[in-house]
PDB file of N, CA and C in Angstrom:
ATOM      1  N   MET A   1      15.374  50.992  11.056  1.00  0.00           N
ATOM      2  CA  MET A   1      16.197  49.840  10.815  1.00  0.00           C
ATOM      3  C   MET A   1      17.308  50.264   9.860  1.00  0.00           C
ATOM      4  N   SER A   2      18.477  49.709  10.051  1.00  0.00           N
ATOM      5  CA  SER A   2      19.578  50.019   9.152  1.00  0.00           C
ATOM      6  C   SER A   2      20.351  48.744   8.855  1.00  0.00           C
ATOM      7  N   HIS A   3      21.042  48.773   7.750  1.00  0.00           N
ATOM      8  CA  HIS A   3      21.840  47.638   7.305  1.00  0.00           C
ATOM      9  C   HIS A   3      23.206  48.146   6.884  1.00  0.00           C
ATOM     10  N   THR A   4      24.161  47.266   6.940  1.00  0.00           N
ATOM     11  CA  THR A   4      25.512  47.605   6.512  1.00  0.00           C
ATOM     12  C   THR A   4      25.758  46.953   5.160  1.00  0.00           C
ATOM     13  N   VAL A   5      26.282  47.724   4.242  1.00  0.00           N
ATOM     14  CA  VAL A   5      26.631  47.212   2.918  1.00  0.00           C
ATOM     15  C   VAL A   5      28.138  47.361   2.769  1.00  0.00           C
ATOM     16  N   GLN A   6      28.789  46.278   2.417  1.00  0.00           N
ATOM     17  CA  GLN A   6      30.235  46.351   2.229  1.00  0.00           C
ATOM     18  C   GLN A   6      30.537  46.706   0.782  1.00  0.00           C
ATOM     19  N   VAL A   7      31.365  47.724   0.632  1.00  0.00           N
ATOM     20  CA  VAL A   7      31.741  48.226  -0.689  1.00  0.00           C
ATOM     21  C   VAL A   7      33.259  48.189  -0.764  1.00  0.00           C
ATOM     22  N   PRO A   8      33.793  47.693  -1.885  1.00  0.00           N
ATOM     23  CA  PRO A   8      35.258  47.699  -2.021  1.00  0.00           C
ATOM     24  C   PRO A   8      35.810  49.120  -1.854  1.00  0.00           C
ATOM     25  N   ASP A   9      37.003  49.217  -1.261  1.00  0.00           N
ATOM     26  CA  ASP A   9      37.618  50.521  -0.971  1.00  0.00           C
ATOM     27  C   ASP A   9      37.686  51.429  -2.186  1.00  0.00           C
ATOM     28  N   GLU A  10      38.077  50.881  -3.344  1.00  0.00           N
ATOM     29  CA  GLU A  10      38.225  51.736  -4.527  1.00  0.00           C
ATOM     30  C   GLU A  10      36.887  52.346  -4.951  1.00  0.00           C
ATOM     31  N   LEU A  11      35.789  51.587  -4.810  1.00  0.00           N
ATOM     32  CA  LEU A  11      34.474  52.142  -5.153  1.00  0.00           C
ATOM     33  C   LEU A  11      34.025  53.153  -4.110  1.00  0.00           C
ATOM     34  N   TYR A  12      34.276  52.855  -2.852  1.00  0.00           N
ATOM     35  CA  TYR A  12      33.881  53.780  -1.795  1.00  0.00           C
ATOM     36  C   TYR A  12      34.619  55.103  -1.943  1.00  0.00           C
ATOM     37  N   ASP A  13      35.900  55.032  -2.281  1.00  0.00           N
ATOM     38  CA  ASP A  13      36.670  56.266  -2.467  1.00  0.00           C
ATOM     39  C   ASP A  13      36.077  57.120  -3.586  1.00  0.00           C
ATOM     40  N   LYS A  14      35.678  56.469  -4.666  1.00  0.00           N
ATOM     41  CA  LYS A  14      35.052  57.212  -5.776  1.00  0.00           C
ATOM     42  C   LYS A  14      33.709  57.788  -5.339  1.00  0.00           C
ATOM     43  N   LEU A  15      32.930  56.989  -4.602  1.00  0.00           N
ATOM     44  CA  LEU A  15      31.641  57.458  -4.095  1.00  0.00           C
ATOM     45  C   LEU A  15      31.834  58.647  -3.162  1.00  0.00           C
ATOM     46  N   ALA A  16      32.793  58.558  -2.258  1.00  0.00           N
ATOM     47  CA  ALA A  16      33.051  59.640  -1.315  1.00  0.00           C
ATOM     48  C   ALA A  16      33.478  60.908  -2.048  1.00  0.00           C
ATOM     49  N   SER A  17      34.304  60.755  -3.057  1.00  0.00           N
ATOM     50  CA  SER A  17      34.763  61.901  -3.840  1.00  0.00           C
ATOM     51  C   SER A  17      33.583  62.557  -4.564  1.00  0.00           C
ATOM     52  N   TYR A  18      32.761  61.746  -5.197  1.00  0.00           N
ATOM     53  CA  TYR A  18      31.598  62.270  -5.911  1.00  0.00           C
ATOM     54  C   TYR A  18      30.635  62.951  -4.940  1.00  0.00           C
ATOM     55  N   ALA A  19      30.420  62.318  -3.780  1.00  0.00           N
ATOM     56  CA  ALA A  19      29.516  62.900  -2.789  1.00  0.00           C
ATOM     57  C   ALA A  19      30.022  64.264  -2.321  1.00  0.00           C
ATOM     58  N   ARG A  20      31.328  64.371  -2.081  1.00  0.00           N
ATOM     59  CA  ARG A  20      31.900  65.660  -1.673  1.00  0.00           C
ATOM     60  C   ARG A  20      31.645  66.721  -2.729  1.00  0.00           C
ATOM     61  N   GLU A  21      31.844  66.373  -3.995  1.00  0.00           N
ATOM     62  CA  GLU A  21      31.602  67.322  -5.088  1.00  0.00           C
ATOM     63  C   GLU A  21      30.152  67.803  -5.097  1.00  0.00           C
ATOM     64  N   GLN A  22      29.261  66.944  -4.687  1.00  0.00           N
ATOM     65  CA  GLN A  22      27.828  67.271  -4.694  1.00  0.00           C
ATOM     66  C   GLN A  22      27.370  67.890  -3.372  1.00  0.00           C
ATOM     67  N   GLY A  23      28.293  68.019  -2.422  1.00  0.00           N
ATOM     68  CA  GLY A  23      27.936  68.569  -1.121  1.00  0.00           C
ATOM     69  C   GLY A  23      27.110  67.604  -0.298  1.00  0.00           C
ATOM     70  N   SER A  24      27.373  66.331  -0.470  1.00  0.00           N
ATOM     71  CA  SER A  24      26.600  65.299   0.212  1.00  0.00           C
ATOM     72  C   SER A  24      27.547  64.349   0.935  1.00  0.00           C
ATOM     73  N   THR A  25      26.977  63.307   1.495  1.00  0.00           N
ATOM     74  CA  THR A  25      27.784  62.262   2.132  1.00  0.00           C
ATOM     75  C   THR A  25      27.671  60.990   1.319  1.00  0.00           C
ATOM     76  N   PRO A  26      28.635  60.078   1.455  1.00  0.00           N
ATOM     77  CA  PRO A  26      28.524  58.805   0.732  1.00  0.00           C
ATOM     78  C   PRO A  26      27.243  58.058   1.087  1.00  0.00           C
ATOM     79  N   ASP A  27      26.868  58.058   2.362  1.00  0.00           N
ATOM     80  CA  ASP A  27      25.649  57.363   2.771  1.00  0.00           C
ATOM     81  C   ASP A  27      24.412  57.960   2.106  1.00  0.00           C
ATOM     82  N   ASP A  28      24.301  59.288   2.150  1.00  0.00           N
ATOM     83  CA  ASP A  28      23.138  59.942   1.538  1.00  0.00           C
ATOM     84  C   ASP A  28      23.097  59.715   0.029  1.00  0.00           C
ATOM     85  N   MET A  29      24.261  59.763  -0.600  1.00  0.00           N
ATOM     86  CA  MET A  29      24.339  59.553  -2.042  1.00  0.00           C
ATOM     87  C   MET A  29      23.897  58.126  -2.402  1.00  0.00           C
ATOM     88  N   LEU A  30      24.375  57.159  -1.664  1.00  0.00           N
ATOM     89  CA  LEU A  30      24.027  55.764  -1.924  1.00  0.00           C
ATOM     90  C   LEU A  30      22.537  55.520  -1.691  1.00  0.00           C
ATOM     91  N   ILE A  31      21.990  56.096  -0.620  1.00  0.00           N
ATOM     92  CA  ILE A  31      20.559  55.947  -0.348  1.00  0.00           C
ATOM     93  C   ILE A  31      19.731  56.555  -1.480  1.00  0.00           C
ATOM     94  N   ALA A  32      20.129  57.712  -1.973  1.00  0.00           N
ATOM     95  CA  ALA A  32      19.405  58.355  -3.074  1.00  0.00           C
ATOM     96  C   ALA A  32      19.459  57.497  -4.333  1.00  0.00           C
ATOM     97  N   TRP A  33      20.621  56.915  -4.621  1.00  0.00           N
ATOM     98  CA  TRP A  33      20.736  56.068  -5.813  1.00  0.00           C
ATOM     99  C   TRP A  33      19.881  54.816  -5.689  1.00  0.00           C
ATOM    100  N   VAL A  34      19.913  54.194  -4.527  1.00  0.00           N
ATOM    101  CA  VAL A  34      19.101  52.988  -4.326  1.00  0.00           C
ATOM    102  C   VAL A  34      17.613  53.334  -4.437  1.00  0.00           C
ATOM    103  N   ALA A  35      17.208  54.445  -3.848  1.00  0.00           N
ATOM    104  CA  ALA A  35      15.809  54.869  -3.940  1.00  0.00           C
ATOM    105  C   ALA A  35      15.401  55.097  -5.397  1.00  0.00           C
ATOM    106  N   GLU A  36      16.287  55.685  -6.187  1.00  0.00           N
ATOM    107  CA  GLU A  36      15.993  55.909  -7.611  1.00  0.00           C
ATOM    108  C   GLU A  36      15.883  54.591  -8.367  1.00  0.00           C
ATOM    109  N   ILE A  37      16.743  53.651  -8.050  1.00  0.00           N
ATOM    110  CA  ILE A  37      16.683  52.333  -8.692  1.00  0.00           C
ATOM    111  C   ILE A  37      15.358  51.651  -8.357  1.00  0.00           C
ATOM    112  N   VAL A  38      14.949  51.717  -7.084  1.00  0.00           N
ATOM    113  CA  VAL A  38      13.677  51.120  -6.668  1.00  0.00           C
ATOM    114  C   VAL A  38      12.518  51.784  -7.402  1.00  0.00           C
ATOM    115  N   ARG A  39      12.522  53.116  -7.480  1.00  0.00           N
ATOM    116  CA  ARG A  39      11.444  53.844  -8.170  1.00  0.00           C
ATOM    117  C   ARG A  39      11.337  53.426  -9.622  1.00  0.00           C
ATOM    118  N   ARG A  40      12.478  53.381 -10.303  1.00  0.00           N
ATOM    119  CA  ARG A  40      12.472  53.000 -11.722  1.00  0.00           C
ATOM    120  C   ARG A  40      12.026  51.555 -11.911  1.00  0.00           C
ATOM    121  N   THR A  41      12.456  50.682 -11.020  1.00  0.00           N
ATOM    122  CA  THR A  41      12.064  49.272 -11.109  1.00  0.00           C
ATOM    123  C   THR A  41      10.562  49.125 -10.922  1.00  0.00           C
ATOM    124  N   GLU A  42      10.001  49.830  -9.950  1.00  0.00           N
ATOM    125  CA  GLU A  42       8.559  49.765  -9.712  1.00  0.00           C
ATOM    126  C   GLU A  42       7.779  50.324 -10.899  1.00  0.00           C
ATOM    127  N   GLU A  43       8.254  51.409 -11.498  1.00  0.00           N
ATOM    128  CA  GLU A  43       7.593  51.964 -12.685  1.00  0.00           C
ATOM    129  C   GLU A  43       7.632  50.967 -13.838  1.00  0.00           C
ATOM    130  N   ARG A  44       8.800  50.340 -14.041  1.00  0.00           N
ATOM    131  CA  ARG A  44       8.936  49.366 -15.124  1.00  0.00           C
ATOM    132  C   ARG A  44       8.008  48.173 -14.890  1.00  0.00           C
ATOM    133  N   GLN A  45       7.903  47.712 -13.651  1.00  0.00           N
ATOM    134  CA  GLN A  45       7.009  46.604 -13.340  1.00  0.00           C
ATOM    135  C   GLN A  45       5.560  46.981 -13.572  1.00  0.00           C
ATOM    136  N   ALA A  46       5.183  48.200 -13.215  1.00  0.00           N
ATOM    137  CA  ALA A  46       3.814  48.662 -13.432  1.00  0.00           C
ATOM    138  C   ALA A  46       3.499  48.722 -14.924  1.00  0.00           C
ATOM    139  N   ARG A  47       4.447  49.225 -15.728  1.00  0.00           N
ATOM    140  CA  ARG A  47       4.235  49.260 -17.186  1.00  0.00           C
ATOM    141  C   ARG A  47       4.117  47.850 -17.743  1.00  0.00           C
ATOM    142  N   GLN A  48       4.926  46.935 -17.230  1.00  0.00           N
ATOM    143  CA  GLN A  48       4.888  45.554 -17.708  1.00  0.00           C
ATOM    144  C   GLN A  48       3.551  44.903 -17.349  1.00  0.00           C
ATOM    145  N   GLU A  49       3.064  45.146 -16.131  1.00  0.00           N
ATOM    146  CA  GLU A  49       1.771  44.596 -15.728  1.00  0.00           C
ATOM    147  C   GLU A  49       0.653  45.161 -16.584  1.00  0.00           C
ATOM    148  N   GLU A  50       0.734  46.448 -16.882  1.00  0.00           N
ATOM    149  CA  GLU A  50      -0.274  47.081 -17.743  1.00  0.00           C
ATOM    150  C   GLU A  50      -0.239  46.469 -19.137  1.00  0.00           C
ATOM    151  N   ALA A  51       0.954  46.240 -19.655  1.00  0.00           N
ATOM    152  CA  ALA A  51       1.091  45.631 -20.980  1.00  0.00           C
ATOM    153  C   ALA A  51       0.537  44.219 -20.980  1.00  0.00           C
ATOM    154  N   GLU A  52       0.732  43.486 -19.901  1.00  0.00           N
ATOM    155  CA  GLU A  52       0.197  42.124 -19.808  1.00  0.00           C
ATOM    156  C   GLU A  52      -1.323  42.141 -19.769  1.00  0.00           C
ATOM    157  N   GLU A  53      -1.904  43.127 -19.063  1.00  0.00           N
ATOM    158  CA  GLU A  53      -3.359  43.255 -19.024  1.00  0.00           C
ATOM    159  C   GLU A  53      -3.909  43.526 -20.418  1.00  0.00           C
ATOM    160  N   VAL A  54      -3.242  44.408 -21.145  1.00  0.00           N
ATOM    161  CA  VAL A  54      -3.679  44.729 -22.509  1.00  0.00           C
ATOM    162  C   VAL A  54      -3.540  43.502 -23.398  1.00  0.00           C
ATOM    163  N   ALA A  55      -2.474  42.729 -23.209  1.00  0.00           N
ATOM    164  CA  ALA A  55      -2.255  41.541 -24.036  1.00  0.00           C
ATOM    165  C   ALA A  55      -3.357  40.512 -23.813  1.00  0.00           C
ATOM    166  N   ASP A  56      -3.953  40.483 -22.606  1.00  0.00           N
ATOM    167  CA  ASP A  56      -5.030  39.537 -22.309  1.00  0.00           C
ATOM    168  C   ASP A  56      -6.382  40.025 -22.816  1.00  0.00           C
ATOM    169  N   ASP A  57      -6.452  41.240 -23.269  1.00  0.00           N
ATOM    170  CA  ASP A  57      -7.703  41.838 -23.719  1.00  0.00           C
ATOM    171  C   ASP A  57      -7.910  41.522 -25.201  1.00  0.00           C
ATOM    172  N   PRO A  58      -8.958  40.794 -25.553  1.00  0.00           N
ATOM    173  CA  PRO A  58      -9.159  40.417 -26.954  1.00  0.00           C
ATOM    174  C   PRO A  58      -9.399  41.597 -27.888  1.00  0.00           C
ATOM    175  N   ILE A  59      -9.794  42.724 -27.340  1.00  0.00           N
ATOM    176  CA  ILE A  59     -10.066  43.906 -28.167  1.00  0.00           C
ATOM    177  C   ILE A  59      -8.825  44.774 -28.304  1.00  0.00           C
ATOM    178  N   ALA A  60      -7.776  44.471 -27.549  1.00  0.00           N
ATOM    179  CA  ALA A  60      -6.564  45.295 -27.533  1.00  0.00           C
ATOM    180  C   ALA A  60      -5.983  45.579 -28.923  1.00  0.00           C
ATOM    181  N   PRO A  61      -5.962  44.608 -29.849  1.00  0.00           N
ATOM    182  CA  PRO A  61      -5.385  44.920 -31.161  1.00  0.00           C
ATOM    183  C   PRO A  61      -6.129  46.016 -31.922  1.00  0.00           C
ATOM    184  N   PHE A  62      -7.377  46.283 -31.527  1.00  0.00           N
ATOM    185  CA  PHE A  62      -8.183  47.274 -32.236  1.00  0.00           C
ATOM    186  C   PHE A  62      -8.164  48.644 -31.582  1.00  0.00           C
ATOM    187  N   ILE A  63      -7.529  48.742 -30.397  1.00  0.00           N
ATOM    188  CA  ILE A  63      -7.491  50.018 -29.694  1.00  0.00           C
ATOM    189  C   ILE A  63      -6.772  51.053 -30.555  1.00  0.00           C
ATOM    190  N   GLY A  64      -7.465  52.132 -30.808  1.00  0.00           N
ATOM    191  CA  GLY A  64      -6.892  53.213 -31.598  1.00  0.00           C
ATOM    192  C   GLY A  64      -7.030  53.027 -33.106  1.00  0.00           C
ATOM    193  N   ALA A  65      -7.572  51.890 -33.541  1.00  0.00           N
ATOM    194  CA  ALA A  65      -7.685  51.620 -34.979  1.00  0.00           C
ATOM    195  C   ALA A  65      -8.859  52.363 -35.614  1.00  0.00           C
ATOM    196  N   PHE A  66      -9.846  52.727 -34.817  1.00  0.00           N
ATOM    197  CA  PHE A  66     -11.042  53.376 -35.337  1.00  0.00           C
ATOM    198  C   PHE A  66     -11.319  54.643 -34.547  1.00  0.00           C
ATOM    199  N   THR A  67     -12.009  55.589 -35.161  1.00  0.00           N
ATOM    200  CA  THR A  67     -12.390  56.820 -34.496  1.00  0.00           C
ATOM    201  C   THR A  67     -13.903  56.852 -34.378  1.00  0.00           C
ATOM    202  N   PHE A  68     -14.383  57.013 -33.152  1.00  0.00           N
ATOM    203  CA  PHE A  68     -15.819  57.002 -32.913  1.00  0.00           C
ATOM    204  C   PHE A  68     -16.315  58.307 -32.300  1.00  0.00           C
ATOM    205  N   GLY A  69     -15.440  59.254 -32.059  1.00  0.00           N
ATOM    206  CA  GLY A  69     -15.851  60.507 -31.447  1.00  0.00           C
ATOM    207  C   GLY A  69     -16.085  60.404 -29.949  1.00  0.00           C
ATOM    208  N   VAL A  70     -15.632  59.317 -29.341  1.00  0.00           N
ATOM    209  CA  VAL A  70     -15.736  59.142 -27.888  1.00  0.00           C
ATOM    210  C   VAL A  70     -14.308  59.129 -27.366  1.00  0.00           C
ATOM    211  N   GLY A  71     -13.915  60.176 -26.648  1.00  0.00           N
ATOM    212  CA  GLY A  71     -12.526  60.368 -26.264  1.00  0.00           C
ATOM    213  C   GLY A  71     -11.894  59.255 -25.459  1.00  0.00           C
ATOM    214  N   ASP A  72     -12.674  58.621 -24.575  1.00  0.00           N
ATOM    215  CA  ASP A  72     -12.076  57.611 -23.712  1.00  0.00           C
ATOM    216  C   ASP A  72     -12.487  56.200 -24.107  1.00  0.00           C
ATOM    217  N   LEU A  73     -12.905  56.006 -25.336  1.00  0.00           N
ATOM    218  CA  LEU A  73     -13.376  54.696 -25.774  1.00  0.00           C
ATOM    219  C   LEU A  73     -12.304  53.619 -25.625  1.00  0.00           C
ATOM    220  N   ALA A  74     -11.075  53.942 -25.972  1.00  0.00           N
ATOM    221  CA  ALA A  74     -10.013  52.941 -25.898  1.00  0.00           C
ATOM    222  C   ALA A  74      -9.800  52.468 -24.468  1.00  0.00           C
ATOM    223  N   GLU A  75      -9.845  53.385 -23.522  1.00  0.00           N
ATOM    224  CA  GLU A  75      -9.586  53.024 -22.135  1.00  0.00           C
ATOM    225  C   GLU A  75     -10.792  52.370 -21.469  1.00  0.00           C
ATOM    226  N   ARG A  76     -12.004  52.734 -21.902  1.00  0.00           N
ATOM    227  CA  ARG A  76     -13.210  52.281 -21.200  1.00  0.00           C
ATOM    228  C   ARG A  76     -14.093  51.388 -22.048  1.00  0.00           C
ATOM    229  N   HIS A  77     -13.542  50.747 -23.067  1.00  0.00           N
ATOM    230  CA  HIS A  77     -14.390  49.955 -23.958  1.00  0.00           C
ATOM    231  C   HIS A  77     -15.152  48.862 -23.217  1.00  0.00           C
ATOM    232  N   ASP A  78     -14.534  48.232 -22.224  1.00  0.00           N
ATOM    233  CA  ASP A  78     -15.231  47.195 -21.454  1.00  0.00           C
ATOM    234  C   ASP A  78     -16.464  47.773 -20.758  1.00  0.00           C
ATOM    235  N   SER A  79     -16.321  48.965 -20.182  1.00  0.00           N
ATOM    236  CA  SER A  79     -17.446  49.601 -19.497  1.00  0.00           C
ATOM    237  C   SER A  79     -18.573  49.915 -20.471  1.00  0.00           C
ATOM    238  N   TYR A  80     -18.207  50.444 -21.636  1.00  0.00           N
ATOM    239  CA  TYR A  80     -19.218  50.774 -22.631  1.00  0.00           C
ATOM    240  C   TYR A  80     -19.926  49.517 -23.140  1.00  0.00           C
ATOM    241  N   LEU A  81     -19.194  48.443 -23.345  1.00  0.00           N
ATOM    242  CA  LEU A  81     -19.817  47.187 -23.790  1.00  0.00           C
ATOM    243  C   LEU A  81     -20.776  46.653 -22.721  1.00  0.00           C
ATOM    244  N   ALA A  82     -20.351  46.682 -21.457  1.00  0.00           N
ATOM    245  CA  ALA A  82     -21.211  46.198 -20.370  1.00  0.00           C
ATOM    246  C   ALA A  82     -22.458  47.067 -20.244  1.00  0.00           C
ATOM    247  N   GLU A  83     -22.291  48.369 -20.378  1.00  0.00           N
ATOM    248  CA  GLU A  83     -23.425  49.280 -20.290  1.00  0.00           C
ATOM    249  C   GLU A  83     -24.403  49.022 -21.434  1.00  0.00           C
ATOM    250  N   GLY A  84     -23.877  48.825 -22.622  1.00  0.00           N
ATOM    251  CA  GLY A  84     -24.727  48.527 -23.777  1.00  0.00           C
ATOM    252  C   GLY A  84     -25.488  47.227 -23.599  1.00  0.00           C
ATOM    253  N   TYR A  85     -24.811  46.215 -23.049  1.00  0.00           N
ATOM    254  CA  TYR A  85     -25.461  44.932 -22.801  1.00  0.00           C
ATOM    255  C   TYR A  85     -26.560  45.095 -21.765  1.00  0.00           C
ATOM    256  N   ALA A  86     -26.275  45.842 -20.693  1.00  0.00           N
ATOM    257  CA  ALA A  86     -27.262  46.042 -19.631  1.00  0.00           C
ATOM    258  C   ALA A  86     -28.498  46.766 -20.160  1.00  0.00           C
ATOM    259  N   ASN A  87     -28.309  47.667 -21.105  1.00  0.00           N
ATOM    260  CA  ASN A  87     -29.437  48.420 -21.658  1.00  0.00           C
ATOM    261  C   ASN A  87     -30.299  47.586 -22.596  1.00  0.00           C
ATOM    262  N   THR A  88     -29.818  46.441 -23.046  1.00  0.00           N
ATOM    263  CA  THR A  88     -30.605  45.585 -23.955  1.00  0.00           C
ATOM    264  C   THR A  88     -31.454  44.576 -23.198  1.00  0.00           C
ATOM    265  N   ARG A  89     -31.216  44.453 -21.906  1.00  0.00           N
ATOM    266  CA  ARG A  89     -31.937  43.450 -21.107  1.00  0.00           C
ATOM    267  C   ARG A  89     -33.231  44.047 -20.569  1.00  0.00           C
ATOM    268  N   GLU A  90     -34.206  43.198 -20.403  1.00  0.00           N
ATOM    269  CA  GLU A  90     -35.496  43.603 -19.815  1.00  0.00           C
ATOM    270  C   GLU A  90     -35.319  43.736 -18.305  1.00  0.00           C
ATOM    271  N   PRO A  91     -36.027  44.646 -17.669  1.00  0.00           N
ATOM    272  CA  PRO A  91     -35.961  44.762 -16.208  1.00  0.00           C
ATOM    273  C   PRO A  91     -36.323  43.435 -15.558  1.00  0.00           C
ATOM    274  N   GLY A  92     -35.575  43.039 -14.556  1.00  0.00           N
ATOM    275  CA  GLY A  92     -35.844  41.799 -13.832  1.00  0.00           C
ATOM    276  C   GLY A  92     -35.215  40.570 -14.450  1.00  0.00           C
ATOM    277  N   GLU A  93     -34.570  40.700 -15.592  1.00  0.00           N
ATOM    278  CA  GLU A  93     -33.917  39.543 -16.234  1.00  0.00           C
ATOM    279  C   GLU A  93     -32.695  39.161 -15.494  1.00  0.00           C
TER     280      GLU A  93
END
């Protein structure tokens, strides 16, 4: 599938000139720039979603505040808490 994008002549001329300097075409140059913008936007959204997840975590303010000698404690604290809880229960409970 392809789409047509209208670009003012003065911008297209600059794009064409830059593309020639790079040994490319205006179309290829524009596609590469759009792809880079999409990649950066997706990365930024992923970081934002991760930050929102951390903000919803009640233990998040304490991450990194203490040293326990467990390398992945900050990332896996929920798993460790659940495992600890499971180990305190009687079989069949």
